[in-house]
């Protein structure tokens, strides 16, 4: 198990610019996929189409939240 000091030092290597980019990536991903899911829900599409896009949205949102989390932690470690 890694110590919290090691994790903090690795986050110190992330520049403020990159940290803000990761947070912006998170916000953009959330905006795009939540909007897309709402639009698809209102359309007359097959259930398979909706399921596939919901799975894609969930995976993409998870990656976006992960990027935002690391960006936020990098900003807070300064």
N, C-alpha and C. Protein backbone atom coordinates (compact mmCIF):
# COMPACT_ATOMS: atom_id res chain seq x y z
N UNK A 1 0.84 -1.18 0.00
CA UNK A 1 0.00 0.00 0.00
C UNK A 1 0.89 1.24 0.00
N UNK A 2 0.56 2.19 -0.82
CA UNK A 2 1.36 3.41 -0.93
C UNK A 2 0.96 4.42 0.12
N UNK A 3 1.92 5.17 0.57
CA UNK A 3 1.61 6.19 1.56
C UNK A 3 0.99 7.42 0.89
N UNK A 4 0.31 8.22 1.68
CA UNK A 4 -0.30 9.43 1.14
C UNK A 4 0.76 10.44 0.73
N UNK A 5 1.94 10.40 1.35
CA UNK A 5 3.03 11.30 0.97
C UNK A 5 3.49 11.00 -0.44
N UNK A 6 3.54 9.73 -0.80
CA UNK A 6 3.95 9.37 -2.16
C UNK A 6 2.93 9.85 -3.18
N UNK A 7 1.65 9.70 -2.87
CA UNK A 7 0.61 10.16 -3.79
C UNK A 7 0.64 11.67 -3.94
N UNK A 8 0.88 12.38 -2.87
CA UNK A 8 0.94 13.84 -2.93
C UNK A 8 2.12 14.28 -3.78
N UNK A 9 3.26 13.64 -3.63
CA UNK A 9 4.43 14.00 -4.43
C UNK A 9 4.19 13.76 -5.91
N UNK A 10 3.50 12.69 -6.26
CA UNK A 10 3.25 12.43 -7.68
C UNK A 10 2.26 13.45 -8.25
N UNK A 11 1.33 13.92 -7.43
CA UNK A 11 0.40 14.95 -7.90
C UNK A 11 1.08 16.30 -8.03
N UNK A 12 2.17 16.52 -7.30
CA UNK A 12 2.92 17.77 -7.42
C UNK A 12 3.56 17.91 -8.80
N UNK A 13 3.73 16.82 -9.48
CA UNK A 13 4.34 16.86 -10.82
C UNK A 13 3.38 17.37 -11.88
N UNK A 14 2.11 17.40 -11.55
CA UNK A 14 1.09 17.87 -12.49
C UNK A 14 1.03 19.39 -12.41
N UNK A 15 1.18 20.04 -13.54
CA UNK A 15 1.15 21.51 -13.55
C UNK A 15 -0.29 22.00 -13.34
N UNK A 16 -0.41 23.27 -12.96
CA UNK A 16 -1.74 23.85 -12.78
C UNK A 16 -2.51 23.85 -14.10
N UNK A 17 -1.81 24.07 -15.19
CA UNK A 17 -2.45 24.07 -16.50
C UNK A 17 -3.06 22.70 -16.82
N UNK A 18 -2.32 21.66 -16.57
CA UNK A 18 -2.81 20.30 -16.82
C UNK A 18 -3.96 19.97 -15.87
N UNK A 19 -3.84 20.38 -14.61
CA UNK A 19 -4.91 20.13 -13.65
C UNK A 19 -6.21 20.80 -14.10
N UNK A 20 -6.12 22.04 -14.53
CA UNK A 20 -7.32 22.74 -15.01
C UNK A 20 -7.85 22.10 -16.29
N UNK A 21 -6.96 21.60 -17.14
CA UNK A 21 -7.39 20.90 -18.35
C UNK A 21 -8.19 19.66 -17.98
N UNK A 22 -7.72 18.89 -16.98
CA UNK A 22 -8.44 17.69 -16.56
C UNK A 22 -9.82 18.04 -16.00
N UNK A 23 -9.91 19.12 -15.26
CA UNK A 23 -11.21 19.55 -14.73
C UNK A 23 -12.13 19.99 -15.86
N UNK A 24 -11.59 20.72 -16.83
CA UNK A 24 -12.38 21.14 -17.99
C UNK A 24 -12.83 19.92 -18.81
N UNK A 25 -11.96 18.92 -18.94
CA UNK A 25 -12.32 17.70 -19.64
C UNK A 25 -13.48 17.01 -18.95
N UNK A 26 -13.46 16.97 -17.63
CA UNK A 26 -14.55 16.39 -16.85
C UNK A 26 -15.86 17.14 -17.12
N UNK A 27 -15.81 18.46 -17.04
CA UNK A 27 -17.02 19.27 -17.24
C UNK A 27 -17.58 19.08 -18.65
N UNK A 28 -16.71 19.09 -19.64
CA UNK A 28 -17.13 18.92 -21.03
C UNK A 28 -17.76 17.55 -21.24
N UNK A 29 -17.12 16.51 -20.71
CA UNK A 29 -17.64 15.15 -20.86
C UNK A 29 -19.01 15.02 -20.22
N UNK A 30 -19.16 15.57 -19.02
CA UNK A 30 -20.47 15.51 -18.37
C UNK A 30 -21.53 16.24 -19.19
N UNK A 31 -21.19 17.42 -19.67
CA UNK A 31 -22.13 18.20 -20.47
C UNK A 31 -22.57 17.44 -21.72
N UNK A 32 -21.59 16.94 -22.47
CA UNK A 32 -21.89 16.27 -23.74
C UNK A 32 -22.73 15.03 -23.53
N UNK A 33 -22.33 14.16 -22.61
CA UNK A 33 -23.02 12.89 -22.48
C UNK A 33 -24.35 13.01 -21.77
N UNK A 34 -24.47 13.87 -20.79
CA UNK A 34 -25.78 14.03 -20.15
C UNK A 34 -26.77 14.63 -21.14
N UNK A 35 -26.32 15.62 -21.91
CA UNK A 35 -27.18 16.20 -22.95
C UNK A 35 -27.57 15.14 -23.97
N UNK A 36 -26.61 14.34 -24.39
CA UNK A 36 -26.86 13.31 -25.40
C UNK A 36 -27.86 12.28 -24.90
N UNK A 37 -27.71 11.84 -23.66
CA UNK A 37 -28.62 10.84 -23.10
C UNK A 37 -30.05 11.39 -23.02
N UNK A 38 -30.19 12.65 -22.62
CA UNK A 38 -31.52 13.26 -22.55
C UNK A 38 -32.13 13.35 -23.94
N UNK A 39 -31.35 13.73 -24.93
CA UNK A 39 -31.86 13.82 -26.30
C UNK A 39 -32.28 12.45 -26.82
N UNK A 40 -31.44 11.44 -26.59
CA UNK A 40 -31.75 10.09 -27.07
C UNK A 40 -32.99 9.55 -26.37
N UNK A 41 -33.17 9.87 -25.10
CA UNK A 41 -34.34 9.38 -24.37
C UNK A 41 -35.64 9.90 -24.99
N UNK A 42 -35.60 11.10 -25.56
CA UNK A 42 -36.79 11.68 -26.16
C UNK A 42 -37.02 11.28 -27.61
N UNK A 43 -36.06 10.57 -28.20
CA UNK A 43 -36.19 10.17 -29.60
C UNK A 43 -36.85 8.80 -29.73
N UNK A 44 -37.34 8.54 -30.92
CA UNK A 44 -37.94 7.24 -31.22
C UNK A 44 -36.85 6.35 -31.79
N UNK A 45 -36.06 5.74 -30.91
CA UNK A 45 -34.98 4.85 -31.32
C UNK A 45 -35.25 3.46 -30.76
N UNK A 46 -34.54 2.48 -31.30
CA UNK A 46 -34.71 1.12 -30.79
C UNK A 46 -34.10 1.01 -29.40
N UNK A 47 -34.55 0.02 -28.66
CA UNK A 47 -34.04 -0.18 -27.30
C UNK A 47 -32.55 -0.51 -27.33
N UNK A 48 -32.11 -1.27 -28.32
CA UNK A 48 -30.68 -1.60 -28.44
C UNK A 48 -29.83 -0.35 -28.61
N UNK A 49 -30.28 0.57 -29.44
CA UNK A 49 -29.58 1.83 -29.66
C UNK A 49 -29.45 2.60 -28.35
N UNK A 50 -30.55 2.66 -27.60
CA UNK A 50 -30.54 3.39 -26.33
C UNK A 50 -29.63 2.73 -25.30
N UNK A 51 -29.66 1.40 -25.25
CA UNK A 51 -28.82 0.68 -24.29
C UNK A 51 -27.35 0.88 -24.61
N UNK A 52 -26.98 0.75 -25.88
CA UNK A 52 -25.59 0.93 -26.28
C UNK A 52 -25.11 2.33 -25.93
N UNK A 53 -25.90 3.33 -26.22
CA UNK A 53 -25.48 4.71 -25.94
C UNK A 53 -25.48 5.01 -24.45
N UNK A 54 -26.35 4.39 -23.69
CA UNK A 54 -26.31 4.55 -22.24
C UNK A 54 -25.04 3.93 -21.65
N UNK A 55 -24.64 2.78 -22.17
CA UNK A 55 -23.39 2.15 -21.71
C UNK A 55 -22.20 3.01 -22.09
N UNK A 56 -22.17 3.50 -23.33
CA UNK A 56 -21.09 4.39 -23.75
C UNK A 56 -21.04 5.64 -22.88
N UNK A 57 -22.21 6.19 -22.56
CA UNK A 57 -22.26 7.38 -21.72
C UNK A 57 -21.72 7.08 -20.32
N UNK A 58 -22.11 5.95 -19.76
CA UNK A 58 -21.65 5.60 -18.41
C UNK A 58 -20.13 5.45 -18.37
N UNK A 59 -19.57 4.78 -19.37
CA UNK A 59 -18.12 4.59 -19.41
C UNK A 59 -17.41 5.93 -19.59
N UNK A 60 -17.90 6.74 -20.50
CA UNK A 60 -17.28 8.04 -20.77
C UNK A 60 -17.39 8.96 -19.56
N UNK A 61 -18.53 8.97 -18.91
CA UNK A 61 -18.71 9.79 -17.71
C UNK A 61 -17.77 9.32 -16.60
N UNK A 62 -17.59 8.01 -16.47
CA UNK A 62 -16.67 7.49 -15.45
C UNK A 62 -15.24 7.96 -15.72
N UNK A 63 -14.80 7.88 -16.97
CA UNK A 63 -13.46 8.37 -17.32
C UNK A 63 -13.35 9.88 -17.08
N UNK A 64 -14.38 10.61 -17.45
CA UNK A 64 -14.37 12.06 -17.23
C UNK A 64 -14.30 12.42 -15.76
N UNK A 65 -15.08 11.72 -14.94
CA UNK A 65 -15.04 11.97 -13.50
C UNK A 65 -13.67 11.61 -12.91
N UNK A 66 -13.07 10.55 -13.44
CA UNK A 66 -11.72 10.18 -12.99
C UNK A 66 -10.72 11.26 -13.32
N UNK A 67 -10.80 11.80 -14.52
CA UNK A 67 -9.90 12.89 -14.92
C UNK A 67 -10.12 14.11 -14.05
N UNK A 68 -11.38 14.44 -13.79
CA UNK A 68 -11.68 15.58 -12.93
C UNK A 68 -11.20 15.38 -11.51
N UNK A 69 -11.30 14.16 -11.02
CA UNK A 69 -10.83 13.85 -9.67
C UNK A 69 -9.32 14.08 -9.55
N UNK A 70 -8.57 13.58 -10.52
CA UNK A 70 -7.11 13.77 -10.47
C UNK A 70 -6.73 15.23 -10.66
N UNK A 71 -7.46 15.94 -11.50
CA UNK A 71 -7.20 17.36 -11.67
C UNK A 71 -7.47 18.13 -10.39
N UNK A 72 -8.58 17.82 -9.73
CA UNK A 72 -8.93 18.47 -8.48
C UNK A 72 -7.91 18.16 -7.39
N UNK A 73 -7.51 16.90 -7.31
CA UNK A 73 -6.51 16.52 -6.30
C UNK A 73 -5.18 17.21 -6.57
N UNK A 74 -4.81 17.36 -7.85
CA UNK A 74 -3.55 18.03 -8.18
C UNK A 74 -3.61 19.50 -7.77
N UNK A 75 -4.73 20.15 -7.96
CA UNK A 75 -4.86 21.55 -7.56
C UNK A 75 -4.82 21.69 -6.04
N UNK A 76 -5.47 20.78 -5.34
CA UNK A 76 -5.52 20.84 -3.89
C UNK A 76 -4.19 20.51 -3.24
N UNK A 77 -3.32 19.77 -3.95
CA UNK A 77 -2.04 19.37 -3.35
C UNK A 77 -1.03 20.50 -3.35
N UNK A 78 -1.36 21.59 -3.98
CA UNK A 78 -0.41 22.73 -4.08
C UNK A 78 -0.55 23.63 -2.90
